[in-house]
Structures are given as C-alpha cells and as structure tokens.
Amino acid sequence: MSAERPSSLSNEVKPESVSLCPLGTAAVAPERELLCVFGTGDFGRSLGQCLLQSGYRVVYGSRRPHSCGPLPQGAQVMSHAAAAQQSSVVFLCVHRQHYDFLETLAPQLKGKVLVDVSNNLKKNLYPEANAEYLQRLIPGAHVVKAFNTLSAWALQNGPSDANRQVYLCGDSAEAKRAVTDIGTKLGFTVLDRGTLSAARELEDFPLRLFPEWRLPLRIATGLTAFFFFYLLIRDVIYAYVEQDKDISFRIMVSLANKVFPIVSLIMLSLCYLPGVIAAVLQLYRGTKYRRFPDWLDRWMLCRKQLGLIALGFAFLHVLYTLIIPIRYYVRYKIAESTISKIKENRTTEFDLTTAWRADSYYSMGILGFGLYLLLGITSLPSVSNALSWREFSFIQSKLGYLTLFFCTFHTYLYGWDRFLRPSSYKWYSPAGYMLSLVVPSVVLVLKLLLILPCVDRSLTRVRQGWERTDPEEESRKTLLT
C-alpha cells in the first residue's frame, strides 16, 4: 500500500503545485505585509501599535528619525522618502498645515494608497476637504479618507460598541478595498461612503457635538425652564405677595424636587407618544407603506435619548427625596409640631386611608423607578446586543408602558383629592403636577384604545402588509373595466 500512495498522489496533484522541503528544514512562513505610517504623534503611535498587534510590519516616516520619541516595539523608523518606498499603503497621521513636505515626495508616493486620517478644529476651516486637497497635492497617489472618526484612545483599547465603525471614501475601488481589508483585520466594521467628495462629511463627523441629543436636550431645557419659573411664581412669589412670607430657601430643594419629576414624567410619555401617533396614522391611512411626516420620523429616532434624559431627571428626584428627612426646614417643622401637641396635650389619630394612600404612593414610585432603570440598562449597546429583537421589544414597549403607568399612577396618588381644593389654584393656575399628567394620561388612554381586540386586529393586519382599498380608486377601476 505504501508503494502505491505516491503514484495516486501524482495523478491528483500537479508536480509544480507541490512544495517539497528538504529533510531537517521547515516551511518558510509568508512574510508579513509592511505598512507605512507618516507621523509619530499619539495617533500615529497608537495606530502603529494596533497594526503590529494585528500581524503587520510597520515602518514610520519621520523628519527626525533619530529623535522622534518612543515608538511601538518592533517598528522601524526612517526618513519619509525611505519609508514611503517600503510600502504600498501609507497612513498620513499629520495635520493639514504640515502637508507641504509631501510635494517633494510625489515620486515616491506615486501609485501608493495614501490614507488620510486628519481632522480640523472646526467646520468650514478650509474651502475644500483635507483629503481632496491631498489628492490635488499628490495627483499620482490614490487618496482614501479613513480612520478619522477614531481616537488614539480607541485604537489603544481596541474596538468596542461605541467605536466599532470606520468610515472611508475614495475614488479608487482597489485602494478602498486595501484599506477595508486592513480595517477589518484590526477588528473594525468598515463602511464605504462613496467617492472622495464625501470626505468633508467624514471630516465633520468628529466635530459634531451630540447631534442625536440636540432635540431631546432642547425639550428637556425648555420643560425645565418653563416649570421652574411657573412653580416659582405659584409657590414662592405667591407666598411673598399674598401671605407676606419669604420661603425663597425652598427654591434649592423643594422647588427643584417638584420640577424634576414633572419633566421626567412628561419626557417619558414623549418617548411613547410618537409610537401611538404612528399607529393612529397607519390605521387612518389603511397602509404601512406611506412615509410618516418628517417631524414624526425625527421624533421617533430620538426616543432613546428622550428616555435616558427622563431617567436622569427621575434619578435626581429620588436623590432629592432621600435628603428630605435631614433638611433643616423639615426637622424644624417636625419638632415644632411635636412640641405644640405636647403643650396642647393632644394627639393625631391614625388614618387608615392616609396610610393606604402613602404606602401606595411610595410603592408605585419604587416600582416605576425600578422599571425605569431596567429600560435605561437595556438601552446600553452592550446589553441590547445580547437581547433578541423580541426580548428588546418586550422590555422597551410592554414594560415601557407599564413604567409609564406606574409613574403616572404615582403622580395621581400624590395629588389625591387636592384638585378639589380651591387653595390648590393659586392665582387661578393649576398645580404643576396637574399639568404633568396631561400628556401621559393621553398616551395611556390612546394606548388602551389601540390594544382593544378589534383595533389591535386591524392594526396588526396593516403592519403585516394589508392595505385598505381607496373607494375612489376602486370605483375608477370599475368604470375602466
């Protein structure tokens, strides 16, 4: 059998495709790809270290090869011209104002893939994007804009959920493919944004300050300012004008502890109101294939941010509530009431209704805040990625509405029968908690109507692709036939 094996092998495999090694020698491993990095700053050193850890060889190009500071172990350093000749891919980790030296390197960079990772300090600083300027400066190179949305810290710590994506653009498909392979090997998800004309958009990405949070932050700021001044007028200024009492000290804790839960409850209800509006629109139109209005689309895209800001206000409300027993004003009022009762030799009878109301009020608040935290935790990318779509939808939708119900019921128990008292309407204005109940009550009532079997059945059919025929269109078809 051993004599027949070589002949069968020679019939299946061509002789030139078999690599034979002499006895006592090992097969030579393929040489690792060499990449060039221009720039020895923080980003250049972090990028070089990341490339070395991913199996590449790295050579640095520096204007001072012998005094450029510590570099990652295993990397070489030489002049720009010498380094550029070593690799077909060059990472340019220098600022735009230092691009002038590249003109003298045009012969060495001709035909090379030049990866521009630069950013600017502000938008519209230059008339054209850095990558476009670089392509005009070195017309013989294939410029690719990439890796500019990452920081040196992100490269040092590896890709995570917050910085896993790398955007690139360029005019050469082959050059972009080479950079994509490098980014994928580094552990990033590379997204192609098209030609080099998209470079300005990529360069503006790092300059954007909380773009998805702007609308939620504006809503939170507007609600906070409105209710702060509204309650300031109703509570503090009213007491000073009508009762000649100076209770301005209550602004710091009591007034703040009224504003925070009000804003939190309204913003939580604003997370679920667009979904209700979208369902009503789909039922009214009888189809899911018509686009929602732009304002509704924008509203629905920022629901996560609205919810997280609402959770922050709820957390502040909990902290402010916990310090109530240690406040000087509260301790003074308790001591004053106790001494007054002792002097008058009287006691207060236990009220079972008040006990039920107080315990229910605290219970609803605790349950609501607990579910609030659950919604916030599952909004984190690391947690939501571990959940299936059904699990995520169950928590964010069904438990979300339950959270809204608990928090709304908590506020109703706080008000109890105060809305019946004329003293609650100072200067004929309703209390702040009454105003906070309007939006969540509307959301809960509409949601209750939507989950009715007859309505839910129709909505489910629409979302599964069923369309209601337009009577005018049906009559037109009948006339044509």
Protein backbone atom coordinates (compact mmCIF):
# COMPACT_ATOMS: atom_id res chain seq x y z
CA MET A 1 0.00 0.00 0.00
CA SER A 2 2.81 2.41 0.79
CA ALA A 3 4.28 1.81 -2.67
CA GLU A 4 1.03 2.76 -4.40
CA ARG A 5 0.42 6.02 -2.48
CA PRO A 6 2.97 8.23 -4.37
CA SER A 7 1.57 7.21 -7.74
CA SER A 8 -2.01 8.05 -6.74
CA LEU A 9 -0.85 11.39 -5.34
CA SER A 10 0.96 12.24 -8.56
CA ASN A 11 -2.20 11.60 -10.52
CA GLU A 12 -4.30 14.01 -8.41
CA VAL A 13 -1.88 16.87 -7.92
CA LYS A 14 0.35 18.52 -10.46
CA PRO A 15 4.04 18.25 -9.62
CA GLU A 16 4.66 22.00 -9.79
CA SER A 17 1.92 22.70 -7.21
CA VAL A 18 3.62 20.54 -4.54
CA SER A 19 6.12 22.35 -2.31
CA LEU A 20 8.75 19.89 -1.10
CA CYS A 21 11.05 20.78 1.82
CA PRO A 22 14.43 19.10 2.33
CA LEU A 23 14.78 16.85 5.34
CA GLY A 24 15.60 18.80 8.53
CA THR A 25 14.15 22.10 7.24
CA ALA A 26 10.77 23.78 7.92
CA ALA A 27 8.43 25.51 5.50
CA VAL A 28 9.11 29.25 5.24
CA ALA A 29 6.19 31.32 6.57
CA PRO A 30 4.90 34.03 4.24
CA GLU A 31 6.34 37.43 5.00
CA ARG A 32 4.01 39.79 6.83
CA GLU A 33 2.75 42.83 4.95
CA LEU A 34 4.63 46.07 5.63
CA LEU A 35 2.65 49.27 6.20
CA CYS A 36 3.98 52.81 6.44
CA VAL A 37 2.88 55.47 8.93
CA PHE A 38 3.79 59.14 8.50
CA GLY A 39 3.66 60.87 11.87
CA THR A 40 4.90 59.81 15.30
CA GLY A 41 2.34 61.60 17.45
CA ASP A 42 -0.24 59.99 19.73
CA PHE A 43 -2.46 58.78 16.90
CA GLY A 44 0.45 57.55 14.78
CA ARG A 45 1.96 55.57 17.67
CA SER A 46 -1.43 54.08 18.64
CA LEU A 47 -2.19 53.12 15.05
CA GLY A 48 1.25 51.53 14.65
CA GLN A 49 0.81 49.52 17.83
CA CYS A 50 -2.62 48.34 16.67
CA LEU A 51 -1.20 47.30 13.28
CA LEU A 52 1.66 45.40 14.89
CA GLN A 53 -0.72 43.51 17.16
CA SER A 54 -2.78 42.54 14.11
CA GLY A 55 0.18 40.89 12.38
CA TYR A 56 1.50 43.69 10.16
CA ARG A 57 5.02 45.07 10.00
CA VAL A 58 5.22 48.83 10.49
CA VAL A 59 7.72 51.42 9.35
CA TYR A 60 7.47 55.04 10.46
CA GLY A 61 8.40 58.00 8.34
CA SER A 62 9.71 60.97 10.34
CA ARG A 63 11.56 64.18 9.63
CA ARG A 64 13.74 63.35 12.66
CA PRO A 65 14.25 59.55 12.51
CA HIS A 66 16.82 59.52 15.32
CA SER A 67 14.91 61.72 17.80
CA CYS A 68 11.21 61.08 17.29
CA GLY A 69 10.49 59.69 20.76
CA PRO A 70 9.48 56.18 21.84
CA LEU A 71 7.72 54.07 19.22
CA PRO A 72 5.97 50.69 19.48
CA GLN A 73 8.35 47.79 19.93
CA GLY A 74 9.10 46.08 16.63
CA ALA A 75 8.52 49.12 14.41
CA GLN A 76 11.20 50.65 12.22
CA VAL A 77 11.76 54.37 11.67
CA MET A 78 13.43 56.13 8.79
CA SER A 79 13.06 59.25 6.67
CA HIS A 80 9.80 59.97 4.86
CA ALA A 81 11.25 59.20 1.44
CA ALA A 82 12.82 55.92 2.52
CA ALA A 83 9.71 54.80 4.42
CA ALA A 84 7.38 55.60 1.52
CA GLN A 85 9.36 53.32 -0.78
CA GLN A 86 8.92 50.36 1.58
CA SER A 87 5.12 50.02 1.47
CA SER A 88 2.23 50.36 -0.95
CA VAL A 89 -0.06 51.75 1.78
CA VAL A 90 0.87 54.93 3.68
CA PHE A 91 -1.10 56.24 6.64
CA LEU A 92 -0.80 60.01 6.86
CA CYS A 93 -1.12 60.95 10.55
CA VAL A 94 -0.19 64.63 10.32
CA HIS A 95 -2.23 67.85 10.33
CA ARG A 96 -3.19 69.56 7.11
CA GLN A 97 -0.96 72.57 7.77
CA HIS A 98 2.06 70.24 7.56
CA TYR A 99 1.19 68.72 4.15
CA ASP A 100 3.75 70.88 2.31
CA PHE A 101 6.58 68.34 2.68
CA LEU A 102 4.52 65.81 0.70
CA GLU A 103 5.04 67.68 -2.59
CA THR A 104 8.72 66.70 -2.58
CA LEU A 105 7.69 63.06 -2.04
CA ALA A 106 5.38 62.92 -5.07
CA PRO A 107 7.68 60.48 -6.98
CA GLN A 108 7.87 58.08 -4.00
CA LEU A 109 4.10 58.28 -3.38
CA LYS A 110 3.06 57.77 -7.00
CA GLY A 111 0.71 54.80 -7.27
CA LYS A 112 0.60 54.35 -3.49
CA VAL A 113 -2.55 54.21 -1.35
CA LEU A 114 -2.44 57.32 0.84
CA VAL A 115 -4.79 57.06 3.84
CA ASP A 116 -5.72 60.49 5.22
CA VAL A 117 -6.78 60.37 8.91
CA SER A 118 -6.72 64.12 9.57
CA ASN A 119 -9.44 66.30 11.07
CA ASN A 120 -9.91 70.04 11.55
CA LEU A 121 -10.56 72.11 14.64
CA LYS A 122 -13.86 73.46 13.30
CA LYS A 123 -16.15 73.16 10.31
CA ASN A 124 -15.52 75.03 7.05
CA LEU A 125 -11.99 75.92 8.11
CA TYR A 126 -10.77 75.35 4.55
CA PRO A 127 -12.56 75.73 1.21
CA GLU A 128 -12.10 72.03 0.42
CA ALA A 129 -11.80 68.81 2.40
CA ASN A 130 -8.35 67.75 3.60
CA ALA A 131 -8.48 64.56 1.54
CA GLU A 132 -9.47 66.44 -1.61
CA TYR A 133 -6.63 68.90 -1.04
CA LEU A 134 -4.25 65.98 -0.52
CA GLN A 135 -5.38 64.34 -3.77
CA ARG A 136 -4.77 67.60 -5.63
CA LEU A 137 -1.36 67.92 -3.95
CA ILE A 138 -0.32 64.34 -4.87
CA PRO A 139 -2.30 63.53 -8.04
CA GLY A 140 -0.36 60.31 -8.60
CA ALA A 141 -1.46 58.75 -5.29
CA HIS A 142 -4.76 57.05 -4.50
CA VAL A 143 -6.11 59.03 -1.53
CA VAL A 144 -8.57 57.30 0.80
CA LYS A 145 -10.22 59.11 3.72
CA ALA A 146 -10.49 56.71 6.66
CA PHE A 147 -9.93 56.20 10.41
CA ASN A 148 -10.51 59.90 11.15
CA THR A 149 -13.56 59.12 13.34
CA LEU A 150 -11.40 57.12 15.76
CA SER A 151 -9.25 58.48 18.57
CA ALA A 152 -5.85 57.34 19.80
CA TRP A 153 -7.58 56.07 22.93
CA ALA A 154 -9.98 53.95 20.86
CA LEU A 155 -7.07 52.41 18.95
CA GLN A 156 -5.20 51.62 22.15
CA ASN A 157 -8.18 49.93 23.77
CA GLY A 158 -9.48 48.14 20.70
CA PRO A 159 -12.88 48.38 19.02
CA SER A 160 -15.93 48.48 21.26
CA ASP A 161 -19.63 49.03 20.67
CA ALA A 162 -19.20 52.80 20.74
CA ASN A 163 -16.35 52.98 18.18
CA ARG A 164 -16.55 49.80 16.10
CA GLN A 165 -17.39 51.51 12.81
CA VAL A 166 -14.81 53.01 10.48
CA TYR A 167 -15.95 55.16 7.56
CA LEU A 168 -13.96 55.57 4.37
CA CYS A 169 -14.29 57.18 0.98
CA GLY A 170 -12.11 57.44 -2.12
CA ASP A 171 -12.09 57.44 -5.91
CA SER A 172 -10.15 54.19 -6.33
CA ALA A 173 -12.08 50.99 -5.68
CA GLU A 174 -8.86 48.96 -5.40
CA ALA A 175 -7.39 51.39 -2.86
CA LYS A 176 -10.56 51.33 -0.78
CA ARG A 177 -10.53 47.54 -0.87
CA ALA A 178 -6.97 47.50 0.52
CA VAL A 179 -7.90 49.88 3.36
CA THR A 180 -11.06 47.89 4.05
CA ASP A 181 -9.02 44.71 4.47
CA ILE A 182 -6.73 46.47 6.95
CA GLY A 183 -9.65 47.89 8.96
CA THR A 184 -11.38 44.51 9.07
CA LYS A 185 -8.21 42.81 10.26
CA LEU A 186 -7.93 45.43 13.03
CA GLY A 187 -11.41 44.39 14.22
CA PHE A 188 -13.47 47.29 12.90
CA THR A 189 -16.58 47.37 10.72
CA VAL A 190 -15.70 49.37 7.61
CA LEU A 191 -18.45 51.34 5.87
CA ASP A 192 -17.86 52.73 2.39
CA ARG A 193 -19.35 56.23 1.98
CA GLY A 194 -18.57 56.58 -1.72
CA THR A 195 -16.17 58.82 -3.63
CA LEU A 196 -13.71 61.34 -2.25
CA SER A 197 -16.37 64.05 -2.49
CA ALA A 198 -17.79 62.64 0.77
CA ALA A 199 -14.55 63.45 2.60
CA ARG A 200 -15.88 66.73 4.03
CA GLU A 201 -18.84 64.89 5.53
CA LEU A 202 -16.49 62.37 7.17
CA GLU A 203 -14.24 65.15 8.44
CA ASP A 204 -17.26 66.85 10.02
CA PHE A 205 -18.26 63.71 11.95
CA PRO A 206 -15.79 64.21 14.85
CA LEU A 207 -16.78 67.88 15.10
CA ARG A 208 -20.45 67.17 15.73
CA LEU A 209 -21.41 67.68 19.37
CA PHE A 210 -24.19 65.29 20.47
CA PRO A 211 -26.10 65.50 17.16
CA GLU A 212 -28.72 62.94 18.24
CA TRP A 213 -29.15 64.60 21.62
CA ARG A 214 -29.85 68.14 20.48
CA LEU A 215 -33.63 67.88 20.16
CA PRO A 216 -34.07 65.92 23.44
CA LEU A 217 -31.81 68.35 25.28
CA ARG A 218 -33.74 71.33 23.91
CA ILE A 219 -37.02 69.74 25.00
CA ALA A 220 -35.61 69.00 28.46
CA THR A 221 -34.21 72.52 28.80
CA GLY A 222 -37.49 74.10 27.68
CA LEU A 223 -39.61 71.99 30.02
CA THR A 224 -37.27 72.60 32.95
CA ALA A 225 -37.20 76.35 32.43
CA PHE A 226 -40.97 76.57 31.98
CA PHE A 227 -41.90 74.58 35.07
CA PHE A 228 -39.20 76.19 37.19
CA PHE A 229 -40.50 79.70 36.58
CA TYR A 230 -44.13 78.50 36.68
CA LEU A 231 -43.66 76.93 40.12
CA LEU A 232 -41.51 79.83 41.25
CA ILE A 233 -44.41 82.18 40.59
CA ARG A 234 -47.06 79.86 42.10
CA ASP A 235 -45.16 78.88 45.24
CA VAL A 236 -42.50 81.45 46.16
CA ILE A 237 -43.72 84.71 44.65
CA TYR A 238 -47.37 83.98 45.54
CA ALA A 239 -46.44 83.37 49.20
CA TYR A 240 -44.44 86.60 49.30
CA VAL A 241 -47.14 88.74 47.66
CA GLU A 242 -50.33 87.25 49.13
CA GLN A 243 -49.13 85.91 52.50
CA ASP A 244 -46.09 88.11 53.16
CA LYS A 245 -43.90 85.01 53.67
CA ASP A 246 -40.32 84.64 52.47
CA ILE A 247 -39.87 80.98 51.51
CA SER A 248 -37.21 81.62 48.88
CA PHE A 249 -34.98 79.00 50.56
CA ARG A 250 -37.30 76.31 49.17
CA ILE A 251 -36.04 77.03 45.66
CA MET A 252 -32.95 74.88 46.20
CA VAL A 253 -34.64 71.61 47.22
CA SER A 254 -38.43 71.75 47.38
CA LEU A 255 -38.90 73.59 44.10
CA ALA A 256 -36.27 71.50 42.31
CA ASN A 257 -37.85 68.32 43.63
CA LYS A 258 -41.13 69.35 42.01
CA VAL A 259 -39.57 70.26 38.66
CA PHE A 260 -37.53 67.07 38.22
CA PRO A 261 -40.40 64.52 38.46
CA ILE A 262 -42.64 66.69 36.29
CA VAL A 263 -40.06 66.89 33.49
CA SER A 264 -39.20 63.21 33.87
CA LEU A 265 -42.82 62.07 33.54
CA ILE A 266 -43.53 64.29 30.53
CA MET A 267 -40.35 63.20 28.73
CA LEU A 268 -41.10 59.53 29.43
CA SER A 269 -44.54 59.96 27.89
CA LEU A 270 -42.95 61.73 24.91
CA CYS A 271 -40.98 58.51 24.26
CA TYR A 272 -44.22 56.60 23.64
CA LEU A 273 -46.44 59.29 22.17
CA PRO A 274 -44.87 59.12 18.65
CA GLY A 275 -45.48 55.36 18.52
CA VAL A 276 -49.14 55.93 19.34
CA ILE A 277 -49.40 58.68 16.72
CA ALA A 278 -47.75 56.41 14.14
CA ALA A 279 -50.26 53.62 14.90
CA VAL A 280 -53.19 56.02 14.55
CA LEU A 281 -51.81 57.27 11.21
CA GLN A 282 -51.43 53.74 9.90
CA LEU A 283 -55.00 52.90 10.92
CA TYR A 284 -56.31 56.09 9.33
CA ARG A 285 -54.40 55.58 6.08
CA GLY A 286 -55.01 51.83 5.98
CA THR A 287 -51.44 51.09 4.91
CA LYS A 288 -47.93 50.95 6.33
CA TYR A 289 -46.23 51.86 3.05
CA ARG A 290 -46.74 55.62 3.23
CA ARG A 291 -43.96 57.59 4.89
CA PHE A 292 -44.55 59.34 8.16
CA PRO A 293 -44.12 63.13 8.28
CA ASP A 294 -40.53 64.27 8.73
CA TRP A 295 -41.20 65.68 12.20
CA LEU A 296 -42.58 62.31 13.33
CA ASP A 297 -39.60 60.43 11.86
CA ARG A 298 -37.21 62.74 13.64
CA TRP A 299 -39.18 62.40 16.87
CA MET A 300 -39.14 58.59 16.71
CA LEU A 301 -35.39 58.49 16.06
CA CYS A 302 -34.60 60.36 19.29
CA ARG A 303 -36.81 58.32 21.63
CA LYS A 304 -33.81 56.60 23.21
CA GLN A 305 -32.23 59.93 24.10
CA LEU A 306 -35.53 61.25 25.45
CA GLY A 307 -35.83 58.21 27.70
CA LEU A 308 -32.28 58.44 29.04
CA ILE A 309 -32.67 62.12 29.89
CA ALA A 310 -36.01 61.32 31.57
CA LEU A 311 -34.24 58.64 33.62
CA GLY A 312 -31.67 61.21 34.68
CA PHE A 313 -34.39 63.54 35.97
CA ALA A 314 -36.06 60.62 37.77
CA PHE A 315 -32.76 59.76 39.43
CA LEU A 316 -32.38 63.36 40.62
CA HIS A 317 -35.92 63.19 42.01
CA VAL A 318 -35.02 60.07 44.01
CA LEU A 319 -31.86 61.68 45.42
CA TYR A 320 -33.68 64.87 46.40
CA THR A 321 -36.43 62.84 48.04
CA LEU A 322 -33.94 60.86 50.10
CA ILE A 323 -32.49 64.01 51.69
CA ILE A 324 -35.88 65.36 52.81
CA PRO A 325 -35.66 63.91 56.38
CA ILE A 326 -32.31 65.62 57.04
CA ARG A 327 -33.35 69.06 55.83
CA TYR A 328 -33.32 71.80 58.47
CA TYR A 329 -36.79 73.04 57.49
CA VAL A 330 -38.34 69.56 57.79
CA ARG A 331 -36.68 68.83 61.13
CA TYR A 332 -37.82 72.22 62.41
CA LYS A 333 -41.44 71.64 61.36
CA ILE A 334 -41.50 68.16 62.95
CA ALA A 335 -40.08 69.47 66.23
CA GLU A 336 -42.48 72.42 66.22
CA SER A 337 -45.49 70.17 65.60
CA THR A 338 -44.42 67.72 68.34
CA ILE A 339 -43.89 70.46 70.94
CA SER A 340 -47.19 72.11 70.02
CA LYS A 341 -49.08 68.86 70.51
CA ILE A 342 -47.38 68.23 73.85
CA LYS A 343 -48.30 71.70 75.08
CA GLU A 344 -51.91 71.26 73.96
CA ASN A 345 -51.98 67.67 75.26
CA ARG A 346 -53.41 66.28 72.05
CA THR A 347 -52.54 63.57 69.56
CA THR A 348 -53.35 62.78 65.93
CA GLU A 349 -55.45 59.72 65.28
CA PHE A 350 -54.23 57.06 62.87
CA ASP A 351 -55.93 57.45 59.48
CA LEU A 352 -56.15 54.16 57.58
CA THR A 353 -57.00 55.90 54.29
CA THR A 354 -53.95 58.13 54.54
CA ALA A 355 -51.79 55.10 55.35
CA TRP A 356 -53.03 53.23 52.29
CA ARG A 357 -52.53 56.29 50.12
CA ALA A 358 -48.98 56.93 51.40
CA ASP A 359 -47.86 53.31 51.05
CA SER A 360 -49.41 53.03 47.59
CA TYR A 361 -47.76 56.30 46.58
CA TYR A 362 -44.30 55.09 47.65
CA SER A 363 -44.86 51.62 46.19
CA MET A 364 -45.82 52.96 42.76
CA GLY A 365 -42.81 55.26 42.83
CA ILE A 366 -40.40 52.44 43.69
CA LEU A 367 -41.83 50.08 41.07
CA GLY A 368 -41.83 52.81 38.45
CA PHE A 369 -38.22 53.78 39.17
CA GLY A 370 -37.12 50.13 39.15
CA LEU A 371 -38.62 49.59 35.70
CA TYR A 372 -37.17 52.96 34.66
CA LEU A 373 -33.69 51.63 35.47
CA LEU A 374 -34.39 48.44 33.54
CA LEU A 375 -35.33 50.48 30.45
CA GLY A 376 -32.16 52.53 30.78
CA ILE A 377 -29.91 49.48 31.22
CA THR A 378 -31.34 47.70 28.18
CA SER A 379 -30.73 50.85 26.12
CA LEU A 380 -26.97 50.35 26.52
CA PRO A 381 -25.46 48.86 23.34
CA SER A 382 -23.64 46.10 25.21
CA VAL A 383 -26.91 44.95 26.79
CA SER A 384 -29.24 45.46 23.83
CA ASN A 385 -26.87 43.49 21.56
CA ALA A 386 -27.24 40.49 23.88
CA LEU A 387 -31.05 40.56 23.55
CA SER A 388 -33.15 39.20 20.74
CA TRP A 389 -35.46 41.59 18.93
CA ARG A 390 -38.47 40.10 20.70
CA GLU A 391 -36.84 40.46 24.13
CA PHE A 392 -35.78 44.04 23.42
CA SER A 393 -39.25 44.93 22.12
CA PHE A 394 -40.92 43.35 25.14
CA ILE A 395 -38.82 45.37 27.59
CA GLN A 396 -38.86 48.68 25.74
CA SER A 397 -42.52 48.54 24.65
CA LYS A 398 -44.63 46.49 27.05
CA LEU A 399 -42.58 47.14 30.18
CA GLY A 400 -42.13 50.71 29.00
CA TYR A 401 -45.87 51.36 29.01
CA LEU A 402 -46.07 49.64 32.40
CA THR A 403 -43.38 52.02 33.66
CA LEU A 404 -45.37 54.96 32.34
CA PHE A 405 -48.49 53.65 34.07
CA PHE A 406 -46.74 53.23 37.45
CA CYS A 407 -45.17 56.70 37.27
CA THR A 408 -48.46 58.30 36.22
CA PHE A 409 -50.38 56.49 38.97
CA HIS A 410 -47.65 57.60 41.41
CA THR A 411 -48.39 61.21 40.46
CA TYR A 412 -52.15 60.73 40.75
CA LEU A 413 -51.67 59.37 44.27
CA TYR A 414 -49.52 62.38 45.09
CA GLY A 415 -52.33 64.73 44.06
CA TRP A 416 -55.14 62.58 45.50
CA ASP A 417 -58.03 64.99 46.15
CA ARG A 418 -56.02 68.22 46.08
CA PHE A 419 -57.54 69.19 42.74
CA LEU A 420 -60.86 69.64 44.58
CA ARG A 421 -59.45 72.25 46.94
CA PRO A 422 -59.74 75.90 45.86
CA SER A 423 -56.43 76.63 47.62
CA SER A 424 -54.65 74.46 45.05
CA TYR A 425 -55.38 77.02 42.31
CA LYS A 426 -53.13 79.89 43.29
CA TRP A 427 -53.86 82.89 41.12
CA TYR A 428 -56.31 80.61 39.26
CA SER A 429 -53.48 78.43 37.94
CA PRO A 430 -53.39 74.62 38.28
CA ALA A 431 -50.63 72.91 40.21
CA GLY A 432 -47.58 71.70 38.34
CA TYR A 433 -48.34 68.03 38.89
CA MET A 434 -51.74 68.53 37.22
CA LEU A 435 -50.06 69.82 34.08
CA SER A 436 -47.60 66.92 34.11
CA LEU A 437 -50.47 64.42 33.99
CA VAL A 438 -51.94 65.69 30.72
CA VAL A 439 -49.54 64.08 28.21
CA PRO A 440 -49.05 60.71 29.97
CA SER A 441 -52.79 60.35 30.54
CA VAL A 442 -53.46 60.97 26.85
CA VAL A 443 -50.80 58.42 25.87
CA LEU A 444 -52.19 55.76 28.21
CA VAL A 445 -55.79 56.31 27.06
CA LEU A 446 -54.81 56.11 23.38
CA LYS A 447 -52.72 53.01 24.02
CA LEU A 448 -55.65 51.43 25.85
CA LEU A 449 -57.83 52.05 22.80
CA LEU A 450 -55.19 50.62 20.47
CA ILE A 451 -54.96 47.33 22.38
CA LEU A 452 -58.69 46.70 22.16
CA PRO A 453 -59.13 43.42 20.24
CA CYS A 454 -60.98 44.95 17.28
CA VAL A 455 -58.50 47.81 16.89
CA ASP A 456 -55.43 45.67 17.54
CA ARG A 457 -56.56 43.15 14.93
CA SER A 458 -56.84 45.85 12.26
CA LEU A 459 -53.52 47.41 13.20
CA THR A 460 -51.78 44.02 13.08
CA ARG A 461 -53.16 43.35 9.60
CA VAL A 462 -51.94 46.75 8.38
CA ARG A 463 -48.45 46.16 9.79
CA GLN A 464 -48.37 42.74 8.11
CA GLY A 465 -48.87 44.35 4.70
CA TRP A 466 -52.65 44.55 4.29
CA GLU A 467 -53.90 47.73 2.59
CA ARG A 468 -57.33 49.25 2.62
CA THR A 469 -58.54 49.99 -0.91
CA ASP A 470 -59.36 53.60 -1.68
CA PRO A 471 -63.10 53.84 -2.62
CA GLU A 472 -62.40 56.41 -5.36
CA GLU A 473 -59.66 54.24 -6.86
CA GLU A 474 -61.94 51.16 -6.71
CA SER A 475 -64.75 52.98 -8.49
CA ARG A 476 -62.30 54.22 -11.12
CA LYS A 477 -61.12 50.66 -11.76
CA THR A 478 -64.76 49.50 -12.06
CA LEU A 479 -65.54 52.16 -14.70
CA LEU A 480 -62.43 51.25 -16.69
CA THR A 481 -63.40 47.57 -16.76
